PDB file of N, CA and C in Angstrom:
ATOM      1  N   MET A   1     -17.272 -34.526 -44.958  1.00  0.00           N
ATOM      2  CA  MET A   1     -17.656 -35.384 -43.974  1.00  0.00           C
ATOM      3  C   MET A   1     -18.924 -36.434 -44.366  1.00  0.00           C
ATOM      4  N   ASP A   2     -18.923 -37.486 -44.153  1.00  0.00           N
ATOM      5  CA  ASP A   2     -19.378 -38.550 -44.962  1.00  0.00           C
ATOM      6  C   ASP A   2     -21.020 -38.724 -44.541  1.00  0.00           C
ATOM      7  N   ALA A   3     -21.890 -37.900 -44.494  1.00  0.00           N
ATOM      8  CA  ALA A   3     -23.485 -38.168 -43.456  1.00  0.00           C
ATOM      9  C   ALA A   3     -23.999 -39.477 -44.065  1.00  0.00           C
ATOM     10  N   LYS A   4     -23.842 -39.707 -45.320  1.00  0.00           N
ATOM     11  CA  LYS A   4     -24.538 -40.907 -45.423  1.00  0.00           C
ATOM     12  C   LYS A   4     -24.008 -42.476 -44.795  1.00  0.00           C
ATOM     13  N   ARG A   5     -22.770 -42.486 -44.507  1.00  0.00           N
ATOM     14  CA  ARG A   5     -22.122 -43.499 -43.995  1.00  0.00           C
ATOM     15  C   ARG A   5     -22.431 -43.689 -42.218  1.00  0.00           C
ATOM     16  N   PHE A   6     -22.281 -42.095 -41.941  1.00  0.00           N
ATOM     17  CA  PHE A   6     -22.926 -41.655 -40.357  1.00  0.00           C
ATOM     18  C   PHE A   6     -24.187 -42.413 -39.963  1.00  0.00           C
ATOM     19  N   MET A   7     -24.931 -41.718 -41.232  1.00  0.00           N
ATOM     20  CA  MET A   7     -26.558 -42.511 -40.557  1.00  0.00           C
ATOM     21  C   MET A   7     -26.347 -43.721 -40.980  1.00  0.00           C
ATOM     22  N   ARG A   8     -25.723 -44.754 -41.387  1.00  0.00           N
ATOM     23  CA  ARG A   8     -25.940 -45.969 -41.707  1.00  0.00           C
ATOM     24  C   ARG A   8     -25.445 -46.834 -40.236  1.00  0.00           C
ATOM     25  N   LEU A   9     -24.506 -46.428 -39.983  1.00  0.00           N
ATOM     26  CA  LEU A   9     -23.566 -46.615 -38.796  1.00  0.00           C
ATOM     27  C   LEU A   9     -24.075 -46.033 -37.259  1.00  0.00           C
ATOM     28  N   LYS A  10     -24.749 -45.413 -37.051  1.00  0.00           N
ATOM     29  CA  LYS A  10     -24.771 -44.379 -36.244  1.00  0.00           C
ATOM     30  C   LYS A  10     -25.927 -45.240 -34.638  1.00  0.00           C
ATOM     31  N   ASP A  11     -26.720 -45.731 -35.555  1.00  0.00           N
ATOM     32  CA  ASP A  11     -27.574 -46.858 -35.013  1.00  0.00           C
ATOM     33  C   ASP A  11     -27.147 -48.040 -33.953  1.00  0.00           C
ATOM     34  N   ARG A  12     -25.746 -48.615 -34.997  1.00  0.00           N
ATOM     35  CA  ARG A  12     -24.972 -49.590 -34.210  1.00  0.00           C
ATOM     36  C   ARG A  12     -23.615 -48.990 -33.390  1.00  0.00           C
ATOM     37  N   GLY A  13     -24.010 -47.906 -32.857  1.00  0.00           N
ATOM     38  CA  GLY A  13     -23.368 -47.432 -32.122  1.00  0.00           C
ATOM     39  C   GLY A  13     -21.392 -47.215 -32.418  1.00  0.00           C
ATOM     40  N   LEU A  14     -21.405 -47.123 -34.114  1.00  0.00           N
ATOM     41  CA  LEU A  14     -20.309 -47.176 -34.629  1.00  0.00           C
ATOM     42  C   LEU A  14     -19.861 -46.057 -34.635  1.00  0.00           C
ATOM     43  N   THR A  15     -20.095 -44.834 -34.261  1.00  0.00           N
ATOM     44  CA  THR A  15     -19.975 -43.732 -34.200  1.00  0.00           C
ATOM     45  C   THR A  15     -20.002 -42.878 -33.182  1.00  0.00           C
ATOM     46  N   SER A  16     -18.979 -41.178 -33.274  1.00  0.00           N
ATOM     47  CA  SER A  16     -19.559 -40.922 -32.036  1.00  0.00           C
ATOM     48  C   SER A  16     -18.874 -39.388 -32.087  1.00  0.00           C
ATOM     49  N   PHE A  17     -19.277 -38.577 -31.800  1.00  0.00           N
ATOM     50  CA  PHE A  17     -18.362 -37.136 -31.471  1.00  0.00           C
ATOM     51  C   PHE A  17     -17.205 -36.763 -30.718  1.00  0.00           C
ATOM     52  N   VAL A  18     -16.551 -35.873 -30.983  1.00  0.00           N
ATOM     53  CA  VAL A  18     -15.521 -35.715 -30.151  1.00  0.00           C
ATOM     54  C   VAL A  18     -15.050 -34.437 -30.120  1.00  0.00           C
ATOM     55  N   LYS A  19     -14.830 -33.700 -28.868  1.00  0.00           N
ATOM     56  CA  LYS A  19     -14.114 -32.533 -29.038  1.00  0.00           C
ATOM     57  C   LYS A  19     -13.026 -32.222 -28.360  1.00  0.00           C
ATOM     58  N   LYS A  20     -11.794 -32.183 -29.589  1.00  0.00           N
ATOM     59  CA  LYS A  20     -10.986 -32.017 -28.887  1.00  0.00           C
ATOM     60  C   LYS A  20     -10.582 -30.518 -27.644  1.00  0.00           C
ATOM     61  N   ASP A  21      -9.090 -30.889 -27.226  1.00  0.00           N
ATOM     62  CA  ASP A  21      -8.660 -29.417 -26.358  1.00  0.00           C
ATOM     63  C   ASP A  21      -8.912 -28.343 -26.681  1.00  0.00           C
ATOM     64  N   ASP A  22      -8.276 -28.516 -28.588  1.00  0.00           N
ATOM     65  CA  ASP A  22      -8.299 -27.454 -29.496  1.00  0.00           C
ATOM     66  C   ASP A  22      -9.397 -26.877 -29.657  1.00  0.00           C
ATOM     67  N   GLY A  23     -10.997 -27.060 -29.302  1.00  0.00           N
ATOM     68  CA  GLY A  23     -12.447 -26.824 -29.270  1.00  0.00           C
ATOM     69  C   GLY A  23     -12.720 -27.554 -30.998  1.00  0.00           C
ATOM     70  N   LYS A  24     -11.689 -27.809 -31.711  1.00  0.00           N
ATOM     71  CA  LYS A  24     -12.451 -28.595 -32.705  1.00  0.00           C
ATOM     72  C   LYS A  24     -13.551 -29.787 -32.299  1.00  0.00           C
ATOM     73  N   ILE A  25     -14.512 -30.279 -33.555  1.00  0.00           N
ATOM     74  CA  ILE A  25     -15.147 -31.247 -33.224  1.00  0.00           C
ATOM     75  C   ILE A  25     -14.541 -32.344 -34.254  1.00  0.00           C
ATOM     76  N   PHE A  26     -14.609 -33.203 -34.150  1.00  0.00           N
ATOM     77  CA  PHE A  26     -14.625 -34.444 -34.933  1.00  0.00           C
ATOM     78  C   PHE A  26     -15.836 -35.576 -35.041  1.00  0.00           C
ATOM     79  N   LEU A  27     -16.040 -35.759 -36.157  1.00  0.00           N
ATOM     80  CA  LEU A  27     -16.993 -37.236 -36.149  1.00  0.00           C
ATOM     81  C   LEU A  27     -15.578 -38.514 -36.050  1.00  0.00           C
ATOM     82  N   THR A  28     -16.437 -39.399 -35.324  1.00  0.00           N
ATOM     83  CA  THR A  28     -15.397 -40.316 -35.292  1.00  0.00           C
ATOM     84  C   THR A  28     -16.284 -42.065 -35.804  1.00  0.00           C
ATOM     85  N   PHE A  29     -15.465 -43.145 -36.474  1.00  0.00           N
ATOM     86  CA  PHE A  29     -16.170 -44.130 -36.802  1.00  0.00           C
ATOM     87  C   PHE A  29     -14.845 -45.381 -36.301  1.00  0.00           C
ATOM     88  N   LYS A  30     -15.642 -46.350 -35.693  1.00  0.00           N
ATOM     89  CA  LYS A  30     -14.880 -47.221 -35.121  1.00  0.00           C
ATOM     90  C   LYS A  30     -14.663 -47.942 -36.332  1.00  0.00           C
ATOM     91  N   ARG A  31     -13.135 -48.668 -36.302  1.00  0.00           N
ATOM     92  CA  ARG A  31     -12.649 -49.476 -37.150  1.00  0.00           C
ATOM     93  C   ARG A  31     -11.890 -50.589 -36.498  1.00  0.00           C
ATOM     94  N   PHE A  32     -12.065 -51.770 -37.340  1.00  0.00           N
ATOM     95  CA  PHE A  32     -11.439 -52.837 -36.653  1.00  0.00           C
ATOM     96  C   PHE A  32     -10.292 -53.540 -37.277  1.00  0.00           C
ATOM     97  N   ALA A  33      -9.558 -54.223 -36.824  1.00  0.00           N
ATOM     98  CA  ALA A  33      -8.648 -54.895 -37.563  1.00  0.00           C
ATOM     99  C   ALA A  33      -8.822 -56.224 -38.614  1.00  0.00           C
ATOM    100  N   VAL A  34      -8.758 -56.491 -40.005  1.00  0.00           N
ATOM    101  CA  VAL A  34      -9.080 -56.983 -40.473  1.00  0.00           C
ATOM    102  C   VAL A  34      -8.148 -58.421 -39.910  1.00  0.00           C
ATOM    103  N   ASP A  35      -7.551 -58.984 -39.609  1.00  0.00           N
ATOM    104  CA  ASP A  35      -6.668 -60.185 -39.262  1.00  0.00           C
ATOM    105  C   ASP A  35      -7.296 -60.796 -38.134  1.00  0.00           C
ATOM    106  N   ASP A  36      -7.890 -60.005 -36.911  1.00  0.00           N
ATOM    107  CA  ASP A  36      -7.965 -60.132 -35.669  1.00  0.00           C
ATOM    108  C   ASP A  36      -9.221 -59.709 -35.220  1.00  0.00           C
ATOM    109  N   GLY A  37     -10.316 -58.626 -35.580  1.00  0.00           N
ATOM    110  CA  GLY A  37     -11.677 -57.738 -35.687  1.00  0.00           C
ATOM    111  C   GLY A  37     -11.345 -57.066 -34.521  1.00  0.00           C
ATOM    112  N   LYS A  38     -10.125 -57.314 -33.837  1.00  0.00           N
ATOM    113  CA  LYS A  38      -9.967 -55.980 -32.641  1.00  0.00           C
ATOM    114  C   LYS A  38     -10.014 -54.727 -32.918  1.00  0.00           C
ATOM    115  N   GLU A  39     -10.874 -53.834 -32.602  1.00  0.00           N
ATOM    116  CA  GLU A  39     -10.847 -52.660 -32.462  1.00  0.00           C
ATOM    117  C   GLU A  39      -9.776 -51.560 -32.374  1.00  0.00           C
ATOM    118  N   ILE A  40      -9.478 -50.730 -33.405  1.00  0.00           N
ATOM    119  CA  ILE A  40      -8.153 -50.226 -33.687  1.00  0.00           C
ATOM    120  C   ILE A  40      -8.273 -48.672 -33.556  1.00  0.00           C
ATOM    121  N   GLU A  41      -7.481 -47.733 -33.569  1.00  0.00           N
ATOM    122  CA  GLU A  41      -7.739 -46.103 -33.904  1.00  0.00           C
ATOM    123  C   GLU A  41      -8.840 -46.263 -34.518  1.00  0.00           C
ATOM    124  N   PRO A  42      -9.821 -44.688 -34.195  1.00  0.00           N
ATOM    125  CA  PRO A  42     -11.488 -44.654 -34.916  1.00  0.00           C
ATOM    126  C   PRO A  42     -10.673 -43.683 -35.672  1.00  0.00           C
ATOM    127  N   GLU A  43     -11.443 -43.701 -37.227  1.00  0.00           N
ATOM    128  CA  GLU A  43     -11.087 -42.589 -38.271  1.00  0.00           C
ATOM    129  C   GLU A  43     -12.112 -41.649 -37.730  1.00  0.00           C
ATOM    130  N   PHE A  44     -11.123 -40.493 -37.918  1.00  0.00           N
ATOM    131  CA  PHE A  44     -11.507 -38.933 -38.107  1.00  0.00           C
ATOM    132  C   PHE A  44     -11.802 -38.010 -39.065  1.00  0.00           C
ATOM    133  N   GLN A  45     -12.995 -37.645 -38.624  1.00  0.00           N
ATOM    134  CA  GLN A  45     -13.448 -36.090 -39.610  1.00  0.00           C
ATOM    135  C   GLN A  45     -13.975 -35.175 -39.211  1.00  0.00           C
ATOM    136  N   ALA A  46     -13.033 -34.208 -39.415  1.00  0.00           N
ATOM    137  CA  ALA A  46     -13.349 -32.961 -38.895  1.00  0.00           C
ATOM    138  C   ALA A  46     -14.690 -32.229 -39.252  1.00  0.00           C
ATOM    139  N   ILE A  47     -15.602 -31.816 -38.155  1.00  0.00           N
ATOM    140  CA  ILE A  47     -17.010 -30.929 -38.354  1.00  0.00           C
ATOM    141  C   ILE A  47     -16.595 -29.510 -38.140  1.00  0.00           C
ATOM    142  N   ASN A  48     -17.270 -29.128 -39.797  1.00  0.00           N
ATOM    143  CA  ASN A  48     -17.241 -27.916 -39.486  1.00  0.00           C
ATOM    144  C   ASN A  48     -18.498 -26.868 -39.539  1.00  0.00           C
ATOM    145  N   ILE A  49     -19.289 -26.612 -38.282  1.00  0.00           N
ATOM    146  CA  ILE A  49     -20.694 -26.623 -38.079  1.00  0.00           C
ATOM    147  C   ILE A  49     -20.830 -25.278 -39.684  1.00  0.00           C
ATOM    148  N   ALA A  50     -20.414 -24.038 -39.771  1.00  0.00           N
ATOM    149  CA  ALA A  50     -20.343 -23.269 -41.180  1.00  0.00           C
ATOM    150  C   ALA A  50     -20.482 -23.839 -42.176  1.00  0.00           C
ATOM    151  N   GLU A  51     -19.730 -25.244 -42.240  1.00  0.00           N
ATOM    152  CA  GLU A  51     -20.013 -25.743 -43.485  1.00  0.00           C
ATOM    153  C   GLU A  51     -21.093 -26.683 -43.820  1.00  0.00           C
ATOM    154  N   VAL A  52     -21.384 -27.024 -42.454  1.00  0.00           N
ATOM    155  CA  VAL A  52     -22.582 -28.242 -42.355  1.00  0.00           C
ATOM    156  C   VAL A  52     -23.852 -27.103 -43.327  1.00  0.00           C
ATOM    157  N   ASP A  53     -23.569 -26.606 -42.526  1.00  0.00           N
ATOM    158  CA  ASP A  53     -25.077 -25.391 -42.401  1.00  0.00           C
ATOM    159  C   ASP A  53     -25.161 -24.835 -43.989  1.00  0.00           C
ATOM    160  N   ASP A  54     -24.215 -24.480 -44.485  1.00  0.00           N
ATOM    161  CA  ASP A  54     -23.761 -24.212 -46.090  1.00  0.00           C
ATOM    162  C   ASP A  54     -24.622 -25.315 -46.537  1.00  0.00           C
ATOM    163  N   ARG A  55     -24.106 -26.528 -46.611  1.00  0.00           N
ATOM    164  CA  ARG A  55     -24.218 -28.146 -47.350  1.00  0.00           C
ATOM    165  C   ARG A  55     -25.999 -28.204 -47.090  1.00  0.00           C
ATOM    166  N   ILE A  56     -26.537 -28.048 -46.079  1.00  0.00           N
ATOM    167  CA  ILE A  56     -27.910 -28.202 -45.556  1.00  0.00           C
ATOM    168  C   ILE A  56     -28.748 -26.759 -46.436  1.00  0.00           C
ATOM    169  N   SER A  57     -28.154 -25.491 -46.324  1.00  0.00           N
ATOM    170  CA  SER A  57     -29.040 -24.415 -47.623  1.00  0.00           C
ATOM    171  C   SER A  57     -29.382 -25.242 -48.955  1.00  0.00           C
ATOM    172  N   THR A  58     -27.944 -25.769 -49.158  1.00  0.00           N
ATOM    173  CA  THR A  58     -27.508 -26.261 -50.631  1.00  0.00           C
ATOM    174  C   THR A  58     -28.719 -27.420 -51.172  1.00  0.00           C
ATOM    175  N   LEU A  59     -28.365 -28.532 -50.390  1.00  0.00           N
ATOM    176  CA  LEU A  59     -29.400 -29.074 -50.529  1.00  0.00           C
ATOM    177  C   LEU A  59     -31.180 -29.184 -50.531  1.00  0.00           C
ATOM    178  N   ASN A  60     -31.204 -28.490 -49.354  1.00  0.00           N
ATOM    179  CA  ASN A  60     -32.890 -27.818 -49.481  1.00  0.00           C
ATOM    180  C   ASN A  60     -33.120 -27.146 -50.681  1.00  0.00           C
ATOM    181  N   LEU A  61     -32.074 -25.853 -51.457  1.00  0.00           N
ATOM    182  CA  LEU A  61     -32.481 -25.683 -52.375  1.00  0.00           C
ATOM    183  C   LEU A  61     -32.513 -26.376 -53.550  1.00  0.00           C
ATOM    184  N   GLU A  62     -31.822 -27.528 -54.065  1.00  0.00           N
ATOM    185  CA  GLU A  62     -31.865 -28.361 -54.709  1.00  0.00           C
ATOM    186  C   GLU A  62     -33.422 -29.140 -54.293  1.00  0.00           C
ATOM    187  N   LEU A  63     -33.465 -30.106 -53.122  1.00  0.00           N
ATOM    188  CA  LEU A  63     -34.679 -30.431 -52.894  1.00  0.00           C
ATOM    189  C   LEU A  63     -35.727 -29.837 -53.220  1.00  0.00           C
ATOM    190  N   ASP A  64     -35.738 -28.366 -53.201  1.00  0.00           N
ATOM    191  CA  ASP A  64     -37.040 -27.637 -53.174  1.00  0.00           C
ATOM    192  C   ASP A  64     -36.904 -27.587 -54.953  1.00  0.00           C
ATOM    193  N   GLY A  65     -35.974 -27.410 -55.587  1.00  0.00           N
ATOM    194  CA  GLY A  65     -35.936 -27.444 -57.287  1.00  0.00           C
ATOM    195  C   GLY A  65     -36.507 -28.951 -58.082  1.00  0.00           C
ATOM    196  N   LEU A  66     -36.220 -30.101 -57.192  1.00  0.00           N
ATOM    197  CA  LEU A  66     -36.989 -31.114 -57.382  1.00  0.00           C
ATOM    198  C   LEU A  66     -38.137 -31.661 -57.645  1.00  0.00           C
ATOM    199  N   LYS A  67     -38.655 -31.282 -56.553  1.00  0.00           N
ATOM    200  CA  LYS A  67     -40.137 -31.266 -55.980  1.00  0.00           C
ATOM    201  C   LYS A  67     -40.671 -30.281 -57.056  1.00  0.00           C
ATOM    202  N   THR A  68     -39.988 -29.290 -57.005  1.00  0.00           N
ATOM    203  CA  THR A  68     -40.803 -28.363 -58.461  1.00  0.00           C
ATOM    204  C   THR A  68     -41.173 -29.037 -59.590  1.00  0.00           C
ATOM    205  N   ILE A  69     -39.888 -29.617 -60.070  1.00  0.00           N
ATOM    206  CA  ILE A  69     -39.705 -30.067 -61.275  1.00  0.00           C
ATOM    207  C   ILE A  69     -40.847 -31.352 -61.537  1.00  0.00           C
ATOM    208  N   ARG A  70     -40.132 -32.154 -59.962  1.00  0.00           N
ATOM    209  CA  ARG A  70     -41.855 -33.111 -60.254  1.00  0.00           C
ATOM    210  C   ARG A  70     -42.990 -32.896 -60.351  1.00  0.00           C
ATOM    211  N   GLU A  71     -43.558 -31.812 -59.969  1.00  0.00           N
ATOM    212  CA  GLU A  71     -44.734 -31.247 -59.813  1.00  0.00           C
ATOM    213  C   GLU A  71     -45.225 -30.693 -61.271  1.00  0.00           C
ATOM    214  N   GLU A  72     -43.875 -30.069 -61.797  1.00  0.00           N
ATOM    215  CA  GLU A  72     -44.239 -29.283 -62.683  1.00  0.00           C
ATOM    216  C   GLU A  72     -44.315 -30.317 -63.683  1.00  0.00           C
ATOM    217  N   ALA A  73     -43.620 -31.547 -64.091  1.00  0.00           N
ATOM    218  CA  ALA A  73     -43.715 -32.574 -64.883  1.00  0.00           C
ATOM    219  C   ALA A  73     -44.605 -33.139 -64.883  1.00  0.00           C
ATOM    220  N   GLY A  74     -44.777 -33.575 -63.444  1.00  0.00           N
ATOM    221  CA  GLY A  74     -45.735 -34.770 -62.845  1.00  0.00           C
ATOM    222  C   GLY A  74     -47.819 -34.197 -63.691  1.00  0.00           C
ATOM    223  N   LYS A  75     -47.596 -32.823 -63.710  1.00  0.00           N
ATOM    224  CA  LYS A  75     -48.631 -32.595 -64.664  1.00  0.00           C
ATOM    225  C   LYS A  75     -49.196 -33.003 -65.783  1.00  0.00           C
ATOM    226  N   LEU A  76     -48.017 -33.108 -66.758  1.00  0.00           N
ATOM    227  CA  LEU A  76     -47.792 -33.641 -67.912  1.00  0.00           C
ATOM    228  C   LEU A  76     -48.335 -35.071 -68.094  1.00  0.00           C
ATOM    229  N   LEU A  77     -48.398 -35.925 -67.102  1.00  0.00           N
ATOM    230  CA  LEU A  77     -48.413 -37.503 -67.066  1.00  0.00           C
ATOM    231  C   LEU A  77     -50.108 -37.721 -66.912  1.00  0.00           C
ATOM    232  N   LEU A  78     -50.777 -36.044 -66.313  1.00  0.00           N
ATOM    233  CA  LEU A  78     -52.540 -36.701 -66.209  1.00  0.00           C
ATOM    234  C   LEU A  78     -53.481 -36.380 -67.235  1.00  0.00           C
TER     235      LEU A  78
END
């Protein structure tokens, strides 16, 4: 899943979420033909909520580590 791309495009209405009949959730990105600019079949990226939750936990742990490193290293600058 491309979260940075999602954030860059969501306010422009170029992304959405779709739940398929089988219950799977997808993030979609609008696409356009190069030759005439017409909208074509969107790009689908499967969303797994458990994987998203795991990624959030991992990133939060990394962020906490970076903040601590910044705080401790910053003390040496004083």
